[in-house]
Structure formats: structure tokens, C-alpha cells
Amino acid sequence: MMTAEESNKKFFIIKKRKFLGSTNYSIHSSSMYDLTTAVKKLLALDTLEEDRENNSYHLQEVNFSMVDKPLKLTEEMEVKQEQSEMPF
């Protein structure tokens, strides 16, 4: 049985695609899912995939820890206004 914290976790389904010597990763349908739904969809996608040698699906937990706090600009990140004349 899952705890409340575990049931609140969300997952992306990541598609890994190998093509012409490079590897590309994309989020399937740009959606996040609870664990049960994600596993069901992952199994269905894997079952329907014809080119398993080059395409595979993986789960990635969504981590909100980077977005739950406001971002703070550092001095290097500040936008500085240029007060010079235009060259044309």
C-alpha cells in the first residue's frame, strides 16, 4: 500500500530514441502521471513499439524542489541597460 507522499508523486514517460548515431530524449505527450497510470502507459507503449532496438521508454520522477522556491538573481544574471546610441 502506498503512503500519501508516494501517491502524490508524479512521473514523466521519457522516450529515448537513437537515430544516426545520436540519442534524443523527449517527454511522451508532454504530460505527467501518477505512478499507476505511468506504469500502465509505459507498458502499453513498450508493447506497441516496433523498433525496440532504437526506441525505448523510461520513467522519470517529476521533481518540484527546484520550483517551489522563488528564484534569486545573482549579480551575473542581472540585466544591465545599455545607454549607448544605436549604430544606424
C-alpha atoms as a PDB file:
ATOM      1  CA  MET A   1       0.000   0.000   0.000  1.00  0.00           C
ATOM      2  CA  MET A   2       1.309   3.450  -0.936  1.00  0.00           C
ATOM      3  CA  THR A   3       1.726   6.283   1.539  1.00  0.00           C
ATOM      4  CA  ALA A   4       0.134   9.680   0.884  1.00  0.00           C
ATOM      5  CA  GLU A   5       3.523  11.097  -0.115  1.00  0.00           C
ATOM      6  CA  GLU A   6       4.139   8.293  -2.616  1.00  0.00           C
ATOM      7  CA  SER A   7       0.675   8.659  -4.144  1.00  0.00           C
ATOM      8  CA  ASN A   8       1.295  12.378  -4.747  1.00  0.00           C
ATOM      9  CA  LYS A   9       4.443  11.715  -6.788  1.00  0.00           C
ATOM     10  CA  LYS A  10       4.213  12.379 -10.495  1.00  0.00           C
ATOM     11  CA  PHE A  11       6.204  10.812 -13.317  1.00  0.00           C
ATOM     12  CA  PHE A  12       7.119  11.656 -16.891  1.00  0.00           C
ATOM     13  CA  ILE A  13       7.390   8.954 -19.511  1.00  0.00           C
ATOM     14  CA  ILE A  14      10.632   9.626 -21.364  1.00  0.00           C
ATOM     15  CA  LYS A  15      11.128   8.303 -24.875  1.00  0.00           C
ATOM     16  CA  LYS A  16      14.749   7.553 -25.744  1.00  0.00           C
ATOM     17  CA  ARG A  17      15.363   7.461 -29.499  1.00  0.00           C
ATOM     18  CA  LYS A  18      18.614   6.521 -31.199  1.00  0.00           C
ATOM     19  CA  PHE A  19      18.981   7.846 -34.744  1.00  0.00           C
ATOM     20  CA  LEU A  20      22.035   8.246 -36.955  1.00  0.00           C
ATOM     21  CA  GLY A  21      24.481   7.828 -34.096  1.00  0.00           C
ATOM     22  CA  SER A  22      22.873  10.333 -31.742  1.00  0.00           C
ATOM     23  CA  THR A  23      20.402   9.899 -28.907  1.00  0.00           C
ATOM     24  CA  ASN A  24      17.341  12.090 -28.420  1.00  0.00           C
ATOM     25  CA  TYR A  25      15.089  12.239 -25.336  1.00  0.00           C
ATOM     26  CA  SER A  26      11.528  13.569 -25.260  1.00  0.00           C
ATOM     27  CA  ILE A  27       8.631  13.614 -22.812  1.00  0.00           C
ATOM     28  CA  HIS A  28       5.769  11.460 -24.071  1.00  0.00           C
ATOM     29  CA  SER A  29       2.652  13.586 -24.699  1.00  0.00           C
ATOM     30  CA  SER A  30       4.079  16.424 -22.551  1.00  0.00           C
ATOM     31  CA  SER A  31       2.162  15.080 -19.557  1.00  0.00           C
ATOM     32  CA  MET A  32       2.914  13.811 -16.086  1.00  0.00           C
ATOM     33  CA  TYR A  33       1.149  10.868 -14.465  1.00  0.00           C
ATOM     34  CA  ASP A  34       0.692   9.169 -11.122  1.00  0.00           C
ATOM     35  CA  LEU A  35       2.767   6.002 -10.751  1.00  0.00           C
ATOM     36  CA  THR A  36      -0.019   3.540 -11.608  1.00  0.00           C
ATOM     37  CA  THR A  37      -1.049   5.375 -14.774  1.00  0.00           C
ATOM     38  CA  ALA A  38       2.568   5.927 -15.799  1.00  0.00           C
ATOM     39  CA  VAL A  39       3.423   2.232 -15.498  1.00  0.00           C
ATOM     40  CA  LYS A  40       0.312   1.210 -17.469  1.00  0.00           C
ATOM     41  CA  LYS A  41       1.126   3.672 -20.253  1.00  0.00           C
ATOM     42  CA  LEU A  42       4.807   2.679 -20.229  1.00  0.00           C
ATOM     43  CA  LEU A  43       3.919  -0.991 -20.668  1.00  0.00           C
ATOM     44  CA  ALA A  44       1.448  -0.182 -23.452  1.00  0.00           C
ATOM     45  CA  LEU A  45       3.965   1.996 -25.302  1.00  0.00           C
ATOM     46  CA  ASP A  46       6.672  -0.618 -24.941  1.00  0.00           C
ATOM     47  CA  THR A  47       4.325  -3.338 -26.204  1.00  0.00           C
ATOM     48  CA  LEU A  48       3.313  -1.302 -29.261  1.00  0.00           C
ATOM     49  CA  GLU A  49       6.863  -0.174 -30.102  1.00  0.00           C
ATOM     50  CA  GLU A  50       8.061  -1.903 -33.265  1.00  0.00           C
ATOM     51  CA  ASP A  51      11.643  -0.591 -33.274  1.00  0.00           C
ATOM     52  CA  ARG A  52      12.817  -1.622 -29.793  1.00  0.00           C
ATOM     53  CA  GLU A  53      16.435  -1.574 -30.884  1.00  0.00           C
ATOM     54  CA  ASN A  54      16.329   2.214 -31.356  1.00  0.00           C
ATOM     55  CA  ASN A  55      13.390   3.327 -29.197  1.00  0.00           C
ATOM     56  CA  SER A  56      12.739   2.742 -25.519  1.00  0.00           C
ATOM     57  CA  TYR A  57      10.595   4.255 -22.758  1.00  0.00           C
ATOM     58  CA  HIS A  58      11.599   5.105 -19.185  1.00  0.00           C
ATOM     59  CA  LEU A  59      10.005   6.671 -16.110  1.00  0.00           C
ATOM     60  CA  GLN A  60      11.407   9.857 -14.586  1.00  0.00           C
ATOM     61  CA  GLU A  61      10.057  11.219 -11.317  1.00  0.00           C
ATOM     62  CA  VAL A  62       8.979  14.848 -11.527  1.00  0.00           C
ATOM     63  CA  ASN A  63      10.982  16.895  -9.032  1.00  0.00           C
ATOM     64  CA  PHE A  64       9.283  20.095  -7.901  1.00  0.00           C
ATOM     65  CA  SER A  65      12.047  21.039  -5.441  1.00  0.00           C
ATOM     66  CA  MET A  66      13.566  23.420  -7.977  1.00  0.00           C
ATOM     67  CA  VAL A  67      10.325  25.360  -8.497  1.00  0.00           C
ATOM     68  CA  ASP A  68       8.866  25.599  -5.007  1.00  0.00           C
ATOM     69  CA  LYS A  69      11.170  28.486  -4.071  1.00  0.00           C
ATOM     70  CA  PRO A  70      11.431  31.829  -5.848  1.00  0.00           C
ATOM     71  CA  LEU A  71      14.499  32.263  -7.992  1.00  0.00           C
ATOM     72  CA  LYS A  72      17.024  34.872  -6.930  1.00  0.00           C
ATOM     73  CA  LEU A  73      19.096  36.729  -9.471  1.00  0.00           C
ATOM     74  CA  THR A  74      22.791  36.893  -8.857  1.00  0.00           C
ATOM     75  CA  GLU A  75      24.869  39.853  -9.938  1.00  0.00           C
ATOM     76  CA  GLU A  76      25.969  37.998 -13.091  1.00  0.00           C
ATOM     77  CA  MET A  77      22.348  37.345 -14.041  1.00  0.00           C
ATOM     78  CA  GLU A  78      21.118  40.911 -13.763  1.00  0.00           C
ATOM     79  CA  VAL A  79      20.048  42.601 -16.977  1.00  0.00           C
ATOM     80  CA  LYS A  80      22.037  45.760 -17.497  1.00  0.00           C
ATOM     81  CA  GLN A  81      20.611  48.598 -19.522  1.00  0.00           C
ATOM     82  CA  GLU A  82      22.929  49.880 -22.233  1.00  0.00           C
ATOM     83  CA  GLN A  83      22.659  53.631 -22.711  1.00  0.00           C
ATOM     84  CA  SER A  84      24.508  53.885 -25.982  1.00  0.00           C
ATOM     85  CA  GLU A  85      23.206  55.245 -29.236  1.00  0.00           C
ATOM     86  CA  MET A  86      22.049  52.946 -31.953  1.00  0.00           C
ATOM     87  CA  PRO A  87      24.645  52.463 -34.728  1.00  0.00           C
ATOM     88  CA  PHE A  88      22.190  53.227 -37.544  1.00  0.00           C
END
